[in-house]
C-alpha atoms as a PDB file:
ATOM      1  CA  MET A   1       0.000   0.000   0.000  1.00  0.00           C
ATOM      2  CA  PRO A   2       1.540   3.261  -1.010  1.00  0.00           C
ATOM      3  CA  HIS A   3       2.451   5.595   1.769  1.00  0.00           C
ATOM      4  CA  ARG A   4       0.254   8.714   1.983  1.00  0.00           C
ATOM      5  CA  ALA A   5       2.022  11.815   3.021  1.00  0.00           C
ATOM      6  CA  HIS A   6       0.557  13.699   5.915  1.00  0.00           C
ATOM      7  CA  THR A   7      -0.652  17.079   4.848  1.00  0.00           C
ATOM      8  CA  GLN A   8      -0.685  20.185   6.949  1.00  0.00           C
ATOM      9  CA  PRO A   9      -3.092  23.084   6.508  1.00  0.00           C
ATOM     10  CA  PRO A  10      -1.437  25.998   4.837  1.00  0.00           C
ATOM     11  CA  ALA A  11       0.036  28.493   7.212  1.00  0.00           C
ATOM     12  CA  PRO A  12      -1.556  31.918   7.128  1.00  0.00           C
ATOM     13  CA  ALA A  13       0.241  34.442   5.064  1.00  0.00           C
ATOM     14  CA  PRO A  14       2.528  36.715   7.040  1.00  0.00           C
ATOM     15  CA  GLY A  15       0.829  39.877   8.094  1.00  0.00           C
ATOM     16  CA  LEU A  16      -2.685  38.543   7.489  1.00  0.00           C
ATOM     17  CA  ASP A  17      -3.776  39.082  11.096  1.00  0.00           C
ATOM     18  CA  ASP A  18      -2.132  42.486  11.081  1.00  0.00           C
ATOM     19  CA  ASP A  19      -4.117  43.455   7.987  1.00  0.00           C
ATOM     20  CA  ALA A  20      -7.351  42.293   9.600  1.00  0.00           C
ATOM     21  CA  ASP A  21      -6.549  44.239  12.763  1.00  0.00           C
ATOM     22  CA  SER A  22      -5.773  47.303  10.685  1.00  0.00           C
ATOM     23  CA  ARG A  23      -9.105  47.051   8.876  1.00  0.00           C
ATOM     24  CA  ILE A  24     -10.961  46.690  12.175  1.00  0.00           C
ATOM     25  CA  ALA A  25      -9.077  49.651  13.646  1.00  0.00           C
ATOM     26  CA  GLY A  26      -9.862  51.706  10.562  1.00  0.00           C
ATOM     27  CA  THR A  27     -13.542  50.819  10.791  1.00  0.00           C
ATOM     28  CA  ARG A  28     -13.600  51.753  14.476  1.00  0.00           C
ATOM     29  CA  LEU A  29     -11.981  55.106  13.767  1.00  0.00           C
ATOM     30  CA  LEU A  30     -14.306  55.829  10.845  1.00  0.00           C
ATOM     31  CA  LEU A  31     -17.427  55.019  12.866  1.00  0.00           C
ATOM     32  CA  THR A  32     -16.213  57.012  15.864  1.00  0.00           C
ATOM     33  CA  THR A  33     -15.424  59.985  13.646  1.00  0.00           C
ATOM     34  CA  ALA A  34     -18.861  59.854  12.002  1.00  0.00           C
ATOM     35  CA  ILE A  35     -20.619  59.803  15.372  1.00  0.00           C
ATOM     36  CA  ASP A  36     -18.421  62.557  16.787  1.00  0.00           C
ATOM     37  CA  ALA A  37     -19.000  64.710  13.700  1.00  0.00           C
ATOM     38  CA  LEU A  38     -22.760  64.326  14.141  1.00  0.00           C
ATOM     39  CA  LEU A  39     -22.469  65.194  17.831  1.00  0.00           C
ATOM     40  CA  ALA A  40     -20.284  68.229  17.126  1.00  0.00           C
ATOM     41  CA  LEU A  41     -22.604  69.513  14.407  1.00  0.00           C
ATOM     42  CA  THR A  42     -25.656  69.090  16.648  1.00  0.00           C
ATOM     43  CA  ALA A  43     -23.896  70.859  19.523  1.00  0.00           C
ATOM     44  CA  VAL A  44     -22.962  73.805  17.296  1.00  0.00           C
ATOM     45  CA  VAL A  45     -26.547  74.064  16.035  1.00  0.00           C
ATOM     46  CA  ILE A  46     -27.886  74.039  19.613  1.00  0.00           C
ATOM     47  CA  MET A  47     -25.475  76.736  20.753  1.00  0.00           C
ATOM     48  CA  GLY A  48     -26.193  78.830  17.657  1.00  0.00           C
ATOM     49  CA  ALA A  49     -29.924  78.517  18.255  1.00  0.00           C
ATOM     50  CA  TRP A  50     -29.494  79.755  21.831  1.00  0.00           C
ATOM     51  CA  PHE A  51     -27.337  82.639  20.606  1.00  0.00           C
ATOM     52  CA  PHE A  52     -30.022  83.784  18.173  1.00  0.00           C
ATOM     53  CA  GLY A  53     -32.779  83.381  20.743  1.00  0.00           C
ATOM     54  CA  ARG A  54     -34.496  80.410  19.099  1.00  0.00           C
ATOM     55  CA  PRO A  55     -33.570  77.308  21.175  1.00  0.00           C
ATOM     56  CA  VAL A  56     -33.984  73.922  19.555  1.00  0.00           C
ATOM     57  CA  LEU A  57     -37.178  72.074  20.615  1.00  0.00           C
ATOM     58  CA  TYR A  58     -37.920  74.734  23.231  1.00  0.00           C
ATOM     59  CA  SER A  59     -40.785  74.212  25.666  1.00  0.00           C
ATOM     60  CA  THR A  60     -41.771  75.981  28.868  1.00  0.00           C
ATOM     61  CA  THR A  61     -43.215  72.804  30.376  1.00  0.00           C
ATOM     62  CA  ALA A  62     -40.640  70.139  29.440  1.00  0.00           C
ATOM     63  CA  PRO A  63     -36.850  69.679  29.676  1.00  0.00           C
ATOM     64  CA  VAL A  64     -34.792  71.647  27.160  1.00  0.00           C
ATOM     65  CA  THR A  65     -31.196  71.047  26.066  1.00  0.00           C
ATOM     66  CA  SER A  66     -29.080  73.870  27.501  1.00  0.00           C
ATOM     67  CA  TRP A  67     -26.238  75.614  25.715  1.00  0.00           C
ATOM     68  CA  PHE A  68     -23.799  74.438  28.400  1.00  0.00           C
ATOM     69  CA  THR A  69     -24.677  70.805  27.733  1.00  0.00           C
ATOM     70  CA  ALA A  70     -23.999  71.374  24.030  1.00  0.00           C
ATOM     71  CA  LEU A  71     -20.689  73.098  24.809  1.00  0.00           C
ATOM     72  CA  SER A  72     -19.636  70.247  27.091  1.00  0.00           C
ATOM     73  CA  ILE A  73     -20.339  67.639  24.416  1.00  0.00           C
ATOM     74  CA  LEU A  74     -18.538  69.699  21.764  1.00  0.00           C
ATOM     75  CA  VAL A  75     -15.384  69.931  23.886  1.00  0.00           C
ATOM     76  CA  MET A  76     -15.504  66.239  24.788  1.00  0.00           C
ATOM     77  CA  VAL A  77     -15.824  64.977  21.203  1.00  0.00           C
ATOM     78  CA  SER A  78     -13.144  67.431  20.043  1.00  0.00           C
ATOM     79  CA  MET A  79     -10.697  66.108  22.619  1.00  0.00           C
ATOM     80  CA  ARG A  80     -11.508  62.509  21.711  1.00  0.00           C
ATOM     81  CA  GLN A  81     -10.862  63.126  18.024  1.00  0.00           C
ATOM     82  CA  ALA A  82      -7.671  65.001  18.818  1.00  0.00           C
ATOM     83  CA  ARG A  83      -6.455  62.079  20.929  1.00  0.00           C
ATOM     84  CA  LEU A  84      -7.318  59.547  18.213  1.00  0.00           C
ATOM     85  CA  ARG A  85      -6.107  61.424  15.140  1.00  0.00           C
ATOM     86  CA  LEU A  86      -3.363  63.847  16.144  1.00  0.00           C
ATOM     87  CA  ASP A  87      -0.063  62.187  16.945  1.00  0.00           C
ATOM     88  CA  PRO A  88       1.551  63.393  19.041  1.00  0.00           C
ATOM     89  CA  TRP A  89      -1.244  65.117  20.934  1.00  0.00           C
ATOM     90  CA  PRO A  90      -0.233  66.575  24.314  1.00  0.00           C
ATOM     91  CA  GLU A  91      -2.125  64.885  27.121  1.00  0.00           C
ATOM     92  CA  THR A  92      -1.982  68.090  29.126  1.00  0.00           C
ATOM     93  CA  GLN A  93      -4.436  69.769  26.737  1.00  0.00           C
ATOM     94  CA  THR A  94      -6.893  66.890  27.023  1.00  0.00           C
ATOM     95  CA  LEU A  95      -6.576  66.887  30.796  1.00  0.00           C
ATOM     96  CA  ALA A  96      -7.049  70.647  30.967  1.00  0.00           C
ATOM     97  CA  LEU A  97     -10.118  70.900  28.716  1.00  0.00           C
ATOM     98  CA  ILE A  98     -11.830  67.712  29.907  1.00  0.00           C
ATOM     99  CA  GLY A  99     -11.082  68.794  33.472  1.00  0.00           C
ATOM    100  CA  LEU A 100     -12.665  72.156  32.698  1.00  0.00           C
ATOM    101  CA  VAL A 101     -15.859  70.475  31.483  1.00  0.00           C
ATOM    102  CA  LEU A 102     -15.876  68.136  34.480  1.00  0.00           C
ATOM    103  CA  GLY A 103     -15.342  71.005  36.910  1.00  0.00           C
ATOM    104  CA  GLY A 104     -17.994  73.124  35.215  1.00  0.00           C
ATOM    105  CA  ASN A 105     -20.595  70.389  35.562  1.00  0.00           C
ATOM    106  CA  VAL A 106     -19.668  69.734  39.185  1.00  0.00           C
ATOM    107  CA  ALA A 107     -20.037  73.463  39.829  1.00  0.00           C
ATOM    108  CA  SER A 108     -23.417  73.382  38.079  1.00  0.00           C
ATOM    109  CA  ILE A 109     -24.587  70.581  40.392  1.00  0.00           C
ATOM    110  CA  VAL A 110     -23.453  72.501  43.474  1.00  0.00           C
ATOM    111  CA  MET A 111     -25.016  75.721  42.200  1.00  0.00           C
ATOM    112  CA  ILE A 112     -28.409  74.131  41.605  1.00  0.00           C
ATOM    113  CA  ALA A 113     -28.293  72.332  44.952  1.00  0.00           C
ATOM    114  CA  THR A 114     -27.388  75.401  47.027  1.00  0.00           C
ATOM    115  CA  ALA A 115     -28.883  78.427  45.259  1.00  0.00           C
ATOM    116  CA  PRO A 116     -32.398  79.560  46.244  1.00  0.00           C
ATOM    117  CA  PRO A 117     -34.950  78.398  43.629  1.00  0.00           C
ATOM    118  CA  GLY A 118     -36.318  81.922  43.269  1.00  0.00           C
ATOM    119  CA  LEU A 119     -32.921  83.206  42.143  1.00  0.00           C
ATOM    120  CA  TRP A 120     -33.309  81.774  38.633  1.00  0.00           C
ATOM    121  CA  GLN A 121     -36.735  83.331  38.147  1.00  0.00           C
ATOM    122  CA  ALA A 122     -34.935  86.625  37.572  1.00  0.00           C
ATOM    123  CA  PHE A 123     -33.342  85.106  34.458  1.00  0.00           C
ATOM    124  CA  PRO A 124     -36.236  83.572  32.494  1.00  0.00           C
ATOM    125  CA  GLN A 125     -34.122  83.180  29.342  1.00  0.00           C
ATOM    126  CA  LEU A 126     -31.510  81.086  31.148  1.00  0.00           C
ATOM    127  CA  VAL A 127     -31.962  77.298  31.181  1.00  0.00           C
ATOM    128  CA  LEU A 128     -29.632  75.473  33.521  1.00  0.00           C
ATOM    129  CA  THR A 129     -28.064  72.090  32.899  1.00  0.00           C
ATOM    130  CA  SER A 130     -29.908  69.592  35.079  1.00  0.00           C
ATOM    131  CA  VAL A 131     -28.246  67.683  37.903  1.00  0.00           C
ATOM    132  CA  MET A 132     -28.813  64.330  36.170  1.00  0.00           C
ATOM    133  CA  THR A 133     -27.358  65.635  32.905  1.00  0.00           C
ATOM    134  CA  SER A 134     -24.306  66.975  34.729  1.00  0.00           C
ATOM    135  CA  ILE A 135     -23.820  63.657  36.545  1.00  0.00           C
ATOM    136  CA  GLY A 136     -23.799  61.842  33.201  1.00  0.00           C
ATOM    137  CA  LEU A 137     -21.342  64.342  31.709  1.00  0.00           C
ATOM    138  CA  VAL A 138     -19.067  64.126  34.776  1.00  0.00           C
ATOM    139  CA  LEU A 139     -18.943  60.334  34.408  1.00  0.00           C
ATOM    140  CA  PHE A 140     -18.197  60.595  30.678  1.00  0.00           C
ATOM    141  CA  CYS A 141     -15.412  63.096  31.423  1.00  0.00           C
ATOM    142  CA  SER A 142     -14.023  60.740  34.049  1.00  0.00           C
ATOM    143  CA  HIS A 143     -13.990  57.932  31.470  1.00  0.00           C
ATOM    144  CA  GLU A 144     -12.097  60.134  29.029  1.00  0.00           C
ATOM    145  CA  LEU A 145      -9.555  61.023  31.711  1.00  0.00           C
ATOM    146  CA  VAL A 146      -9.095  57.343  32.601  1.00  0.00           C
ATOM    147  CA  VAL A 147      -8.525  56.418  28.946  1.00  0.00           C
ATOM    148  CA  THR A 148      -6.046  59.281  28.558  1.00  0.00           C
ATOM    149  CA  LEU A 149      -4.077  58.511  31.699  1.00  0.00           C
ATOM    150  CA  ARG A 150      -4.391  54.708  31.697  1.00  0.00           C
ATOM    151  CA  GLU A 151      -5.175  53.451  28.217  1.00  0.00           C
ATOM    152  CA  THR A 152      -4.266  49.884  29.136  1.00  0.00           C
ATOM    153  CA  PRO A 153      -5.655  48.943  32.561  1.00  0.00           C
ATOM    154  CA  ARG A 154      -3.616  46.364  34.465  1.00  0.00           C
ATOM    155  CA  SER A 155      -6.240  45.674  37.086  1.00  0.00           C
ATOM    156  CA  ALA A 156      -9.390  43.573  37.190  1.00  0.00           C
ATOM    157  CA  PHE A 157     -11.154  46.698  38.426  1.00  0.00           C
ATOM    158  CA  ILE A 158     -12.387  47.675  34.945  1.00  0.00           C
ATOM    159  CA  LEU A 159     -12.992  51.352  35.639  1.00  0.00           C
ATOM    160  CA  ASP A 160     -13.396  52.215  31.942  1.00  0.00           C
ATOM    161  CA  ASP A 161     -16.366  49.872  31.547  1.00  0.00           C
ATOM    162  CA  LEU A 162     -17.947  50.887  34.847  1.00  0.00           C
ATOM    163  CA  LEU A 163     -17.898  54.611  34.097  1.00  0.00           C
ATOM    164  CA  ILE A 164     -19.668  54.142  30.762  1.00  0.00           C
ATOM    165  CA  HIS A 165     -22.391  52.025  32.358  1.00  0.00           C
ATOM    166  CA  LEU A 166     -22.863  54.499  35.207  1.00  0.00           C
ATOM    167  CA  ALA A 167     -23.065  57.432  32.797  1.00  0.00           C
ATOM    168  CA  LEU A 168     -26.093  55.856  31.094  1.00  0.00           C
ATOM    169  CA  VAL A 169     -28.135  55.593  34.300  1.00  0.00           C
ATOM    170  CA  PRO A 170     -29.364  59.251  34.395  1.00  0.00           C
ATOM    171  CA  GLY A 171     -30.575  59.002  30.809  1.00  0.00           C
ATOM    172  CA  GLY A 172     -32.289  55.705  31.591  1.00  0.00           C
ATOM    173  CA  LEU A 173     -34.130  57.292  34.507  1.00  0.00           C
ATOM    174  CA  SER A 174     -35.315  60.145  32.311  1.00  0.00           C
ATOM    175  CA  LEU A 175     -36.473  57.696  29.655  1.00  0.00           C
ATOM    176  CA  LEU A 176     -38.448  55.955  32.379  1.00  0.00           C
ATOM    177  CA  GLY A 177     -39.964  59.296  33.316  1.00  0.00           C
ATOM    178  CA  TYR A 178     -41.161  59.919  29.757  1.00  0.00           C
ATOM    179  CA  LEU A 179     -42.607  56.430  29.413  1.00  0.00           C
ATOM    180  CA  LEU A 180     -44.419  56.562  32.762  1.00  0.00           C
ATOM    181  CA  GLY A 181     -45.311  60.245  32.700  1.00  0.00           C
ATOM    182  CA  ASN A 182     -43.583  60.755  36.056  1.00  0.00           C
ATOM    183  CA  PRO A 183     -42.095  64.288  36.264  1.00  0.00           C
ATOM    184  CA  THR A 184     -39.810  63.268  39.137  1.00  0.00           C
ATOM    185  CA  TYR A 185     -37.570  61.351  36.753  1.00  0.00           C
ATOM    186  CA  LEU A 186     -37.564  64.209  34.243  1.00  0.00           C
ATOM    187  CA  SER A 187     -36.604  67.126  36.463  1.00  0.00           C
ATOM    188  CA  VAL A 188     -35.893  67.660  40.145  1.00  0.00           C
ATOM    189  CA  HIS A 189     -35.822  71.443  39.709  1.00  0.00           C
ATOM    190  CA  THR A 190     -38.609  73.949  40.189  1.00  0.00           C
ATOM    191  CA  ASP A 191     -38.125  74.960  36.552  1.00  0.00           C
ATOM    192  CA  PRO A 192     -39.600  72.155  34.383  1.00  0.00           C
ATOM    193  CA  ARG A 193     -37.202  73.143  31.584  1.00  0.00           C
ATOM    194  CA  VAL A 194     -34.272  71.876  33.673  1.00  0.00           C
ATOM    195  CA  GLY A 195     -33.973  68.142  33.013  1.00  0.00           C
ATOM    196  CA  ILE A 196     -32.732  65.586  30.493  1.00  0.00           C
ATOM    197  CA  SER A 197     -34.573  66.227  27.253  1.00  0.00           C
ATOM    198  CA  PRO A 198     -35.065  63.527  24.596  1.00  0.00           C
ATOM    199  CA  LEU A 199     -32.432  65.313  22.511  1.00  0.00           C
ATOM    200  CA  GLU A 200     -29.960  65.123  25.393  1.00  0.00           C
ATOM    201  CA  MET A 201     -30.695  61.431  25.852  1.00  0.00           C
ATOM    202  CA  GLY A 202     -29.918  60.861  22.186  1.00  0.00           C
ATOM    203  CA  LEU A 203     -26.689  62.866  22.369  1.00  0.00           C
ATOM    204  CA  MET A 204     -25.470  61.056  25.473  1.00  0.00           C
ATOM    205  CA  GLY A 205     -26.417  57.697  23.990  1.00  0.00           C
ATOM    206  CA  LEU A 206     -24.410  58.467  20.850  1.00  0.00           C
ATOM    207  CA  TYR A 207     -21.477  59.671  22.913  1.00  0.00           C
ATOM    208  CA  ALA A 208     -21.505  56.423  24.893  1.00  0.00           C
ATOM    209  CA  THR A 209     -21.632  54.425  21.641  1.00  0.00           C
ATOM    210  CA  ALA A 210     -18.597  56.236  20.270  1.00  0.00           C
ATOM    211  CA  ALA A 211     -16.775  55.801  23.584  1.00  0.00           C
ATOM    212  CA  VAL A 212     -17.277  52.041  23.407  1.00  0.00           C
ATOM    213  CA  VAL A 213     -16.402  51.756  19.707  1.00  0.00           C
ATOM    214  CA  SER A 214     -13.256  53.882  20.007  1.00  0.00           C
ATOM    215  CA  ASN A 215     -11.816  51.915  22.933  1.00  0.00           C
ATOM    216  CA  PRO A 216     -10.853  48.360  21.837  1.00  0.00           C
ATOM    217  CA  ARG A 217      -9.261  47.706  25.238  1.00  0.00           C
ATOM    218  CA  LEU A 218     -12.561  47.686  27.088  1.00  0.00           C
ATOM    219  CA  PHE A 219     -13.074  44.365  28.858  1.00  0.00           C
ATOM    220  CA  LEU A 220     -16.551  44.295  27.292  1.00  0.00           C
ATOM    221  CA  TRP A 221     -15.057  43.687  23.838  1.00  0.00           C
ATOM    222  CA  ARG A 222     -12.982  40.735  25.080  1.00  0.00           C
ATOM    223  CA  PHE A 223     -15.981  39.299  26.875  1.00  0.00           C
ATOM    224  CA  LEU A 224     -18.262  39.572  23.839  1.00  0.00           C
ATOM    225  CA  ALA A 225     -15.612  38.126  21.522  1.00  0.00           C
ATOM    226  CA  ALA A 226     -15.468  34.890  23.542  1.00  0.00           C
ATOM    227  CA  GLY A 227     -18.696  33.548  22.043  1.00  0.00           C
ATOM    228  CA  TRP A 228     -22.385  33.986  21.365  1.00  0.00           C
ATOM    229  CA  ASN A 229     -23.268  32.789  24.845  1.00  0.00           C
ATOM    230  CA  ASN A 230     -21.477  35.798  26.318  1.00  0.00           C
ATOM    231  CA  ARG A 231     -23.195  38.153  23.908  1.00  0.00           C
ATOM    232  CA  VAL A 232     -26.641  36.839  24.762  1.00  0.00           C
ATOM    233  CA  ILE A 233     -25.959  37.039  28.498  1.00  0.00           C
ATOM    234  CA  PHE A 234     -24.736  40.631  28.306  1.00  0.00           C
ATOM    235  CA  ALA A 235     -27.606  41.673  26.027  1.00  0.00           C
ATOM    236  CA  LEU A 236     -30.136  40.242  28.469  1.00  0.00           C
ATOM    237  CA  LEU A 237     -28.471  41.924  31.443  1.00  0.00           C
ATOM    238  CA  PHE A 238     -28.269  45.271  29.655  1.00  0.00           C
ATOM    239  CA  LEU A 239     -31.865  45.180  28.433  1.00  0.00           C
ATOM    240  CA  ASN A 240     -33.013  44.091  31.880  1.00  0.00           C
ATOM    241  CA  GLN A 241     -31.839  47.440  33.255  1.00  0.00           C
ATOM    242  CA  PHE A 242     -34.587  49.181  31.278  1.00  0.00           C
ATOM    243  CA  ALA A 243     -37.204  46.482  30.701  1.00  0.00           C
ATOM    244  CA  ALA A 244     -37.509  45.314  34.328  1.00  0.00           C
ATOM    245  CA  PRO A 245     -38.306  48.789  35.789  1.00  0.00           C
ATOM    246  CA  LEU A 246     -40.893  49.384  33.096  1.00  0.00           C
ATOM    247  CA  ALA A 247     -42.485  45.988  33.733  1.00  0.00           C
ATOM    248  CA  VAL A 248     -42.610  46.669  37.476  1.00  0.00           C
ATOM    249  CA  ALA A 249     -44.203  50.069  36.861  1.00  0.00           C
ATOM    250  CA  LEU A 250     -46.849  48.515  34.629  1.00  0.00           C
ATOM    251  CA  VAL A 251     -47.601  45.720  37.098  1.00  0.00           C
ATOM    252  CA  MET A 252     -47.728  48.152  40.029  1.00  0.00           C
ATOM    253  CA  PRO A 253     -49.214  51.304  38.452  1.00  0.00           C
ATOM    254  CA  ARG A 254     -49.331  54.576  40.368  1.00  0.00           C
ATOM    255  CA  PRO A 255     -51.575  56.953  38.389  1.00  0.00           C
ATOM    256  CA  GLY A 256     -50.540  60.571  38.810  1.00  0.00           C
ATOM    257  CA  ALA A 257     -47.475  59.651  40.870  1.00  0.00           C
ATOM    258  CA  THR A 258     -44.910  62.419  41.273  1.00  0.00           C
ATOM    259  CA  GLY A 259     -42.291  60.746  43.456  1.00  0.00           C
ATOM    260  CA  PRO A 260     -39.800  57.906  42.987  1.00  0.00           C
ATOM    261  CA  GLY A 261     -41.270  54.423  43.055  1.00  0.00           C
ATOM    262  CA  VAL A 262     -40.132  50.828  43.154  1.00  0.00           C
ATOM    263  CA  GLU A 263     -39.087  51.043  39.493  1.00  0.00           C
ATOM    264  CA  LEU A 264     -36.239  53.393  40.459  1.00  0.00           C
ATOM    265  CA  PHE A 265     -34.656  50.820  42.739  1.00  0.00           C
ATOM    266  CA  VAL A 266     -35.244  48.054  40.194  1.00  0.00           C
ATOM    267  CA  MET A 267     -33.308  50.063  37.593  1.00  0.00           C
ATOM    268  CA  LEU A 268     -30.460  50.746  40.011  1.00  0.00           C
ATOM    269  CA  ALA A 269     -30.363  47.056  40.934  1.00  0.00           C
ATOM    270  CA  GLY A 270     -30.174  46.120  37.257  1.00  0.00           C
ATOM    271  CA  ALA A 271     -27.272  48.503  36.665  1.00  0.00           C
ATOM    272  CA  VAL A 272     -25.406  47.167  39.699  1.00  0.00           C
ATOM    273  CA  THR A 273     -26.033  43.593  38.547  1.00  0.00           C
ATOM    274  CA  THR A 274     -24.587  44.248  35.086  1.00  0.00           C
ATOM    275  CA  MET A 275     -21.498  46.009  36.440  1.00  0.00           C
ATOM    276  CA  SER A 276     -20.927  43.380  39.125  1.00  0.00           C
ATOM    277  CA  PHE A 277     -21.173  40.618  36.537  1.00  0.00           C
ATOM    278  CA  LEU A 278     -18.505  42.256  34.357  1.00  0.00           C
ATOM    279  CA  LEU A 279     -16.291  42.835  37.397  1.00  0.00           C
ATOM    280  CA  PHE A 280     -16.500  39.185  38.391  1.00  0.00           C
ATOM    281  CA  GLN A 281     -15.772  38.077  34.829  1.00  0.00           C
ATOM    282  CA  ALA A 282     -12.736  40.372  34.662  1.00  0.00           C
ATOM    283  CA  ARG A 283     -11.474  39.026  37.971  1.00  0.00           C
ATOM    284  CA  LEU A 284     -11.875  35.417  36.823  1.00  0.00           C
ATOM    285  CA  ALA A 285     -10.189  36.188  33.490  1.00  0.00           C
ATOM    286  CA  ARG A 286      -7.259  37.742  35.302  1.00  0.00           C
ATOM    287  CA  ARG A 287      -6.883  34.700  37.559  1.00  0.00           C
ATOM    288  CA  GLN A 288      -7.037  32.320  34.582  1.00  0.00           C
ATOM    289  CA  SER A 289      -4.431  34.152  32.486  1.00  0.00           C
ATOM    290  CA  PRO A 290      -2.372  36.405  34.783  1.00  0.00           C
ATOM    291  CA  ARG A 291       0.684  36.395  32.516  1.00  0.00           C
ATOM    292  CA  GLN A 292      -1.210  37.522  29.458  1.00  0.00           C
ATOM    293  CA  TRP A 293      -3.034  40.153  31.509  1.00  0.00           C
ATOM    294  CA  ALA A 294       0.287  41.493  32.801  1.00  0.00           C
ATOM    295  CA  ALA A 295       1.764  41.511  29.303  1.00  0.00           C
ATOM    296  CA  ASP A 296      -1.206  43.050  27.511  1.00  0.00           C
ATOM    297  CA  GLY A 297      -2.678  45.039  30.322  1.00  0.00           C
ATOM    298  CA  SER A 298      -5.993  43.498  29.327  1.00  0.00           C
ATOM    299  CA  PRO A 299      -7.834  40.222  29.852  1.00  0.00           C
ATOM    300  CA  GLY A 300      -7.035  37.165  27.788  1.00  0.00           C
ATOM    301  CA  ASP A 301      -9.113  35.828  24.953  1.00  0.00           C
ATOM    302  CA  ARG A 302     -10.833  33.341  27.236  1.00  0.00           C
ATOM    303  CA  THR A 303     -13.328  34.555  29.816  1.00  0.00           C
ATOM    304  CA  ALA A 304     -15.159  32.688  32.524  1.00  0.00           C
ATOM    305  CA  VAL A 305     -18.336  32.403  30.497  1.00  0.00           C
ATOM    306  CA  THR A 306     -17.667  30.962  27.057  1.00  0.00           C
ATOM    307  CA  ASN A 307     -19.609  29.440  24.269  1.00  0.00           C
END
């Protein structure tokens, strides 16, 4: 019987993986740039509308997007694009401008919390940035600072992922307020114009999307890449943050309610559950592949939950 030579599968061409990685990186950058351009254009339009005295989607009885919110988003997307596209880009400029936005929003929170409500009635044309909006912007600024200072985390405490998830909570609460008709989740200020408007929710949602797409070192990407099982689990956990509170509110209706209800705590519990799950997965991944984590500064390809 003639001897049959053992065949080996052809080795991949040199540089094939590098080319694939380059294409993925290029797609990430292109998508991030498109989203940031849309955000910047919208922010400029909002500020221009305020300057000419014709605010976008203005209402005296519902939350309105303030000019300061638009300015904050414009600065944040500008710094992100500068960091991604300009090499070298001095970190000090990013730290200074992002820190300015962060400090401005913290000051806005303190100002609203301490100033007498009647003070703002003397300025009817001024619409403040709401506390919930400022909290979301502060968390987004913190994420940008973390990425700038520590692009490759070497700890299982995945601060980058946590900040993005936390930043979405204020918008989720406002969305709940619109769906349930509860003004408490829309605005905690005496001026009903001060709150997270639908336009602001869209802008912050887009900003979060670009933040995730532009950062390939998020643990979330490694977790989702491990298999479809991981993707389904995360999708269910993420959707549960918004679906469970709404279901509870529908099962336990409170017609005409103006205060926080059980749905608020259900949403917070869902957010904590999602973040805790990712933290545990990151910790397990670090214990399973400590050498690769130390070398890459990121979790290995295998996570605790796999397909």
